[in-house]
Amino acid sequence: MRGFKVISKEAFEKDNGLNYEAIVLPKRATVSSAGYDFILPYDLELVSGASAIIKTGVKAYMEKDEFLMVVIRSSLGFKNNLRLKNQVGIIDSDYYGNSENEGHIMIAIKNEGNSNVLLQKGSKVAQGIFMKYLVISDEKETNLKRIGGIGSTDVTKL
């Protein structure tokens, strides 16, 4: 099973105080689309050279051996010279429901162009693609559990 849910209203308002009702769950544009489009829940202006963290209000659940890869929409890269600050975002299956932020997916974006870019509420800003991964055959099972949020994989023993 895999999919998307909205984070709690309390967590969203704590993070940014924006309109909770503006959150839209990611969806595919066509039957053959690999990526689920993340929708911007508020207007965002990025001046040339500026960065921002987009707080989507969304979390993703998936199987233990899967991850969600987040990439910039190609149209924003080609037309507006925008990129993800980390180039590719990886959302691990155990990020969902973590105690720090419930698994809130936040997208760090940067304007590498010479012009300001206005992204309007409702714009498609990134795509999430669910993928399986493999592990090496002689890996020992770990008893560590994630306790950190974005940009962290802090752990504790189970």
C-alpha atoms as a PDB file:
ATOM      1  CA  MET A   1       0.000   0.000   0.000  1.00  0.00           C
ATOM      2  CA  ARG A   2       1.153   3.477  -0.778  1.00  0.00           C
ATOM      3  CA  GLY A   3      -0.404   6.877  -0.992  1.00  0.00           C
ATOM      4  CA  PHE A   4      -0.632  10.396   0.364  1.00  0.00           C
ATOM      5  CA  LYS A   5      -2.376  11.977   3.338  1.00  0.00           C
ATOM      6  CA  VAL A   6      -2.675  15.498   4.640  1.00  0.00           C
ATOM      7  CA  ILE A   7      -0.719  16.230   7.814  1.00  0.00           C
ATOM      8  CA  SER A   8      -2.724  17.328  10.855  1.00  0.00           C
ATOM      9  CA  LYS A   9      -4.092  20.852  10.911  1.00  0.00           C
ATOM     10  CA  GLU A  10      -2.134  21.559  14.096  1.00  0.00           C
ATOM     11  CA  ALA A  11       1.158  20.513  12.501  1.00  0.00           C
ATOM     12  CA  PHE A  12       0.497  22.532   9.339  1.00  0.00           C
ATOM     13  CA  GLU A  13      -0.479  25.688  11.214  1.00  0.00           C
ATOM     14  CA  LYS A  14       2.491  25.283  13.565  1.00  0.00           C
ATOM     15  CA  ASP A  15       4.819  25.065  10.587  1.00  0.00           C
ATOM     16  CA  ASN A  16       3.532  28.038   8.635  1.00  0.00           C
ATOM     17  CA  GLY A  17       0.110  29.323   9.675  1.00  0.00           C
ATOM     18  CA  LEU A  18      -1.210  29.100   6.121  1.00  0.00           C
ATOM     19  CA  ASN A  19      -4.603  28.000   4.836  1.00  0.00           C
ATOM     20  CA  TYR A  20      -5.004  24.310   5.679  1.00  0.00           C
ATOM     21  CA  GLU A  21      -7.914  23.963   3.238  1.00  0.00           C
ATOM     22  CA  ALA A  22      -5.568  24.875   0.348  1.00  0.00           C
ATOM     23  CA  ILE A  23      -3.634  21.595   0.668  1.00  0.00           C
ATOM     24  CA  VAL A  24      -4.103  19.323  -2.363  1.00  0.00           C
ATOM     25  CA  LEU A  25      -2.949  15.704  -2.398  1.00  0.00           C
ATOM     26  CA  PRO A  26      -0.523  14.866  -5.230  1.00  0.00           C
ATOM     27  CA  LYS A  27      -1.985  13.155  -8.277  1.00  0.00           C
ATOM     28  CA  ARG A  28      -0.849  11.940 -11.680  1.00  0.00           C
ATOM     29  CA  ALA A  29      -1.742  14.050 -14.714  1.00  0.00           C
ATOM     30  CA  THR A  30      -2.317  11.116 -17.079  1.00  0.00           C
ATOM     31  CA  VAL A  31      -2.770   7.358 -16.912  1.00  0.00           C
ATOM     32  CA  SER A  32       0.883   6.880 -17.968  1.00  0.00           C
ATOM     33  CA  SER A  33       2.452   9.557 -15.757  1.00  0.00           C
ATOM     34  CA  ALA A  34       5.159   8.158 -13.476  1.00  0.00           C
ATOM     35  CA  GLY A  35       5.121  11.146 -11.132  1.00  0.00           C
ATOM     36  CA  TYR A  36       2.527  12.486  -8.731  1.00  0.00           C
ATOM     37  CA  ASP A  37       2.397  16.281  -9.014  1.00  0.00           C
ATOM     38  CA  PHE A  38       2.868  18.272  -5.804  1.00  0.00           C
ATOM     39  CA  ILE A  39       0.637  21.342  -5.767  1.00  0.00           C
ATOM     40  CA  LEU A  40       1.721  24.639  -4.194  1.00  0.00           C
ATOM     41  CA  PRO A  41      -0.790  25.521  -1.414  1.00  0.00           C
ATOM     42  CA  TYR A  42       0.086  29.261  -1.449  1.00  0.00           C
ATOM     43  CA  ASP A  43       1.608  31.932  -3.708  1.00  0.00           C
ATOM     44  CA  LEU A  44       5.401  32.030  -3.712  1.00  0.00           C
ATOM     45  CA  GLU A  45       7.714  34.578  -5.302  1.00  0.00           C
ATOM     46  CA  LEU A  46      11.341  33.598  -5.774  1.00  0.00           C
ATOM     47  CA  VAL A  47      13.656  36.480  -6.610  1.00  0.00           C
ATOM     48  CA  SER A  48      16.743  35.697  -8.647  1.00  0.00           C
ATOM     49  CA  GLY A  49      19.173  33.646  -6.554  1.00  0.00           C
ATOM     50  CA  ALA A  50      16.678  33.118  -3.716  1.00  0.00           C
ATOM     51  CA  SER A  51      15.683  29.858  -2.061  1.00  0.00           C
ATOM     52  CA  ALA A  52      12.525  28.763  -0.287  1.00  0.00           C
ATOM     53  CA  ILE A  53      11.185  25.710   1.457  1.00  0.00           C
ATOM     54  CA  ILE A  54       7.758  24.735   0.170  1.00  0.00           C
ATOM     55  CA  LYS A  55       5.634  23.273   2.944  1.00  0.00           C
ATOM     56  CA  THR A  56       3.263  20.989   1.068  1.00  0.00           C
ATOM     57  CA  GLY A  57       1.072  19.863   3.966  1.00  0.00           C
ATOM     58  CA  VAL A  58       1.365  16.328   2.585  1.00  0.00           C
ATOM     59  CA  LYS A  59       2.906  13.106   3.900  1.00  0.00           C
ATOM     60  CA  ALA A  60       3.447   9.828   2.003  1.00  0.00           C
ATOM     61  CA  TYR A  61       3.056   6.246   3.169  1.00  0.00           C
ATOM     62  CA  MET A  62       4.563   3.269   1.377  1.00  0.00           C
ATOM     63  CA  GLU A  63       5.886  -0.259   1.783  1.00  0.00           C
ATOM     64  CA  LYS A  64       9.034  -0.865   3.834  1.00  0.00           C
ATOM     65  CA  ASP A  65      11.174  -1.521   0.736  1.00  0.00           C
ATOM     66  CA  GLU A  66      10.066   1.621  -1.123  1.00  0.00           C
ATOM     67  CA  PHE A  67      10.900   5.317  -1.190  1.00  0.00           C
ATOM     68  CA  LEU A  68       9.417   8.412  -2.786  1.00  0.00           C
ATOM     69  CA  MET A  69      11.803  10.250  -5.113  1.00  0.00           C
ATOM     70  CA  VAL A  70      10.977  13.968  -5.432  1.00  0.00           C
ATOM     71  CA  VAL A  71      12.229  15.913  -8.456  1.00  0.00           C
ATOM     72  CA  ILE A  72      11.523  19.347  -9.924  1.00  0.00           C
ATOM     73  CA  ARG A  73       8.935  19.479 -12.695  1.00  0.00           C
ATOM     74  CA  SER A  74      10.855  19.700 -15.947  1.00  0.00           C
ATOM     75  CA  SER A  75       8.847  22.726 -17.113  1.00  0.00           C
ATOM     76  CA  LEU A  76      10.022  24.750 -14.090  1.00  0.00           C
ATOM     77  CA  GLY A  77      13.633  23.800 -14.740  1.00  0.00           C
ATOM     78  CA  PHE A  78      13.515  24.531 -18.473  1.00  0.00           C
ATOM     79  CA  LYS A  79      11.341  27.646 -18.458  1.00  0.00           C
ATOM     80  CA  ASN A  80      12.182  29.253 -15.119  1.00  0.00           C
ATOM     81  CA  ASN A  81      15.621  27.900 -14.190  1.00  0.00           C
ATOM     82  CA  LEU A  82      14.349  26.522 -10.873  1.00  0.00           C
ATOM     83  CA  ARG A  83      15.955  23.509  -9.203  1.00  0.00           C
ATOM     84  CA  LEU A  84      15.672  21.520  -6.024  1.00  0.00           C
ATOM     85  CA  LYS A  85      18.393  22.562  -3.598  1.00  0.00           C
ATOM     86  CA  ASN A  86      19.273  18.927  -2.926  1.00  0.00           C
ATOM     87  CA  GLN A  87      18.838  17.994  -6.634  1.00  0.00           C
ATOM     88  CA  VAL A  88      16.726  14.924  -5.774  1.00  0.00           C
ATOM     89  CA  GLY A  89      14.660  14.437  -2.643  1.00  0.00           C
ATOM     90  CA  ILE A  90      14.411  10.975  -1.118  1.00  0.00           C
ATOM     91  CA  ILE A  91      11.523  10.280   1.266  1.00  0.00           C
ATOM     92  CA  ASP A  92      12.165   7.024   3.148  1.00  0.00           C
ATOM     93  CA  SER A  93       9.244   4.845   4.197  1.00  0.00           C
ATOM     94  CA  ASP A  94       9.965   5.469   7.889  1.00  0.00           C
ATOM     95  CA  TYR A  95       9.750   9.266   7.440  1.00  0.00           C
ATOM     96  CA  TYR A  96       5.958   8.899   7.539  1.00  0.00           C
ATOM     97  CA  GLY A  97       4.578   9.682  10.984  1.00  0.00           C
ATOM     98  CA  ASN A  98       7.905  10.627  12.569  1.00  0.00           C
ATOM     99  CA  SER A  99       7.547  12.435  15.887  1.00  0.00           C
ATOM    100  CA  GLU A 100       9.236  15.634  14.719  1.00  0.00           C
ATOM    101  CA  ASN A 101       6.848  16.614  11.898  1.00  0.00           C
ATOM    102  CA  GLU A 102       4.485  13.689  11.096  1.00  0.00           C
ATOM    103  CA  GLY A 103       6.363  13.071   7.833  1.00  0.00           C
ATOM    104  CA  HIS A 104       5.546  16.500   6.363  1.00  0.00           C
ATOM    105  CA  ILE A 105       7.093  16.660   2.882  1.00  0.00           C
ATOM    106  CA  MET A 106       8.923  19.939   2.390  1.00  0.00           C
ATOM    107  CA  ILE A 107      10.549  20.835  -0.893  1.00  0.00           C
ATOM    108  CA  ALA A 108      13.632  23.094  -0.943  1.00  0.00           C
ATOM    109  CA  ILE A 109      13.706  25.045  -4.202  1.00  0.00           C
ATOM    110  CA  LYS A 110      16.084  27.664  -5.633  1.00  0.00           C
ATOM    111  CA  ASN A 111      15.799  30.215  -8.433  1.00  0.00           C
ATOM    112  CA  GLU A 112      19.015  29.913 -10.476  1.00  0.00           C
ATOM    113  CA  GLY A 113      17.749  32.327 -13.127  1.00  0.00           C
ATOM    114  CA  ASN A 114      18.232  36.053 -13.664  1.00  0.00           C
ATOM    115  CA  SER A 115      14.543  36.906 -13.304  1.00  0.00           C
ATOM    116  CA  ASN A 116      12.099  36.738 -10.439  1.00  0.00           C
ATOM    117  CA  VAL A 117       9.584  33.870 -10.644  1.00  0.00           C
ATOM    118  CA  LEU A 118       6.053  34.005  -9.260  1.00  0.00           C
ATOM    119  CA  LEU A 119       4.546  30.605  -8.570  1.00  0.00           C
ATOM    120  CA  GLN A 120       0.832  30.852  -7.958  1.00  0.00           C
ATOM    121  CA  LYS A 121      -1.180  28.811  -5.491  1.00  0.00           C
ATOM    122  CA  GLY A 122      -2.272  25.659  -7.320  1.00  0.00           C
ATOM    123  CA  SER A 123       0.912  25.453  -9.440  1.00  0.00           C
ATOM    124  CA  LYS A 124       2.538  22.066  -9.941  1.00  0.00           C
ATOM    125  CA  VAL A 125       6.021  22.425  -8.455  1.00  0.00           C
ATOM    126  CA  ALA A 126       7.543  18.956  -8.142  1.00  0.00           C
ATOM    127  CA  GLN A 127       6.831  15.304  -8.856  1.00  0.00           C
ATOM    128  CA  GLY A 128       7.006  12.345  -6.516  1.00  0.00           C
ATOM    129  CA  ILE A 129       7.770   8.909  -7.953  1.00  0.00           C
ATOM    130  CA  PHE A 130       7.369   5.799  -5.788  1.00  0.00           C
ATOM    131  CA  MET A 131      10.233   3.343  -6.264  1.00  0.00           C
ATOM    132  CA  LYS A 132      11.443   0.038  -4.839  1.00  0.00           C
ATOM    133  CA  TYR A 133      15.009  -0.445  -3.681  1.00  0.00           C
ATOM    134  CA  LEU A 134      17.323  -3.401  -3.092  1.00  0.00           C
ATOM    135  CA  VAL A 135      19.659  -4.152  -0.191  1.00  0.00           C
ATOM    136  CA  ILE A 136      22.864  -6.163  -0.164  1.00  0.00           C
ATOM    137  CA  SER A 137      22.509  -9.875   0.579  1.00  0.00           C
ATOM    138  CA  ASP A 138      24.788  -9.992   3.639  1.00  0.00           C
ATOM    139  CA  GLU A 139      23.343  -6.934   5.383  1.00  0.00           C
ATOM    140  CA  LYS A 140      22.517  -7.431   9.032  1.00  0.00           C
ATOM    141  CA  GLU A 141      19.019  -6.360  10.158  1.00  0.00           C
ATOM    142  CA  THR A 142      19.157  -3.163  12.194  1.00  0.00           C
ATOM    143  CA  ASN A 143      17.179  -2.477  15.337  1.00  0.00           C
ATOM    144  CA  LEU A 144      17.307   1.285  14.901  1.00  0.00           C
ATOM    145  CA  LYS A 145      14.262   3.490  14.382  1.00  0.00           C
ATOM    146  CA  ARG A 146      14.083   6.973  12.815  1.00  0.00           C
ATOM    147  CA  ILE A 147      13.352   9.806  15.231  1.00  0.00           C
ATOM    148  CA  GLY A 148      14.341  12.828  13.135  1.00  0.00           C
ATOM    149  CA  GLY A 149      12.497  14.826  10.527  1.00  0.00           C
ATOM    150  CA  ILE A 150      13.606  16.547   7.325  1.00  0.00           C
ATOM    151  CA  GLY A 151      17.337  16.601   6.626  1.00  0.00           C
ATOM    152  CA  SER A 152      17.954  14.110   9.383  1.00  0.00           C
ATOM    153  CA  THR A 153      17.968  10.424   9.995  1.00  0.00           C
ATOM    154  CA  ASP A 154      18.494  10.535  13.747  1.00  0.00           C
ATOM    155  CA  VAL A 155      17.907   7.091  15.229  1.00  0.00           C
ATOM    156  CA  THR A 156      17.149   5.331  18.469  1.00  0.00           C
ATOM    157  CA  LYS A 157      17.039   1.639  19.379  1.00  0.00           C
ATOM    158  CA  LEU A 158      13.692  -0.105  19.080  1.00  0.00           C
END
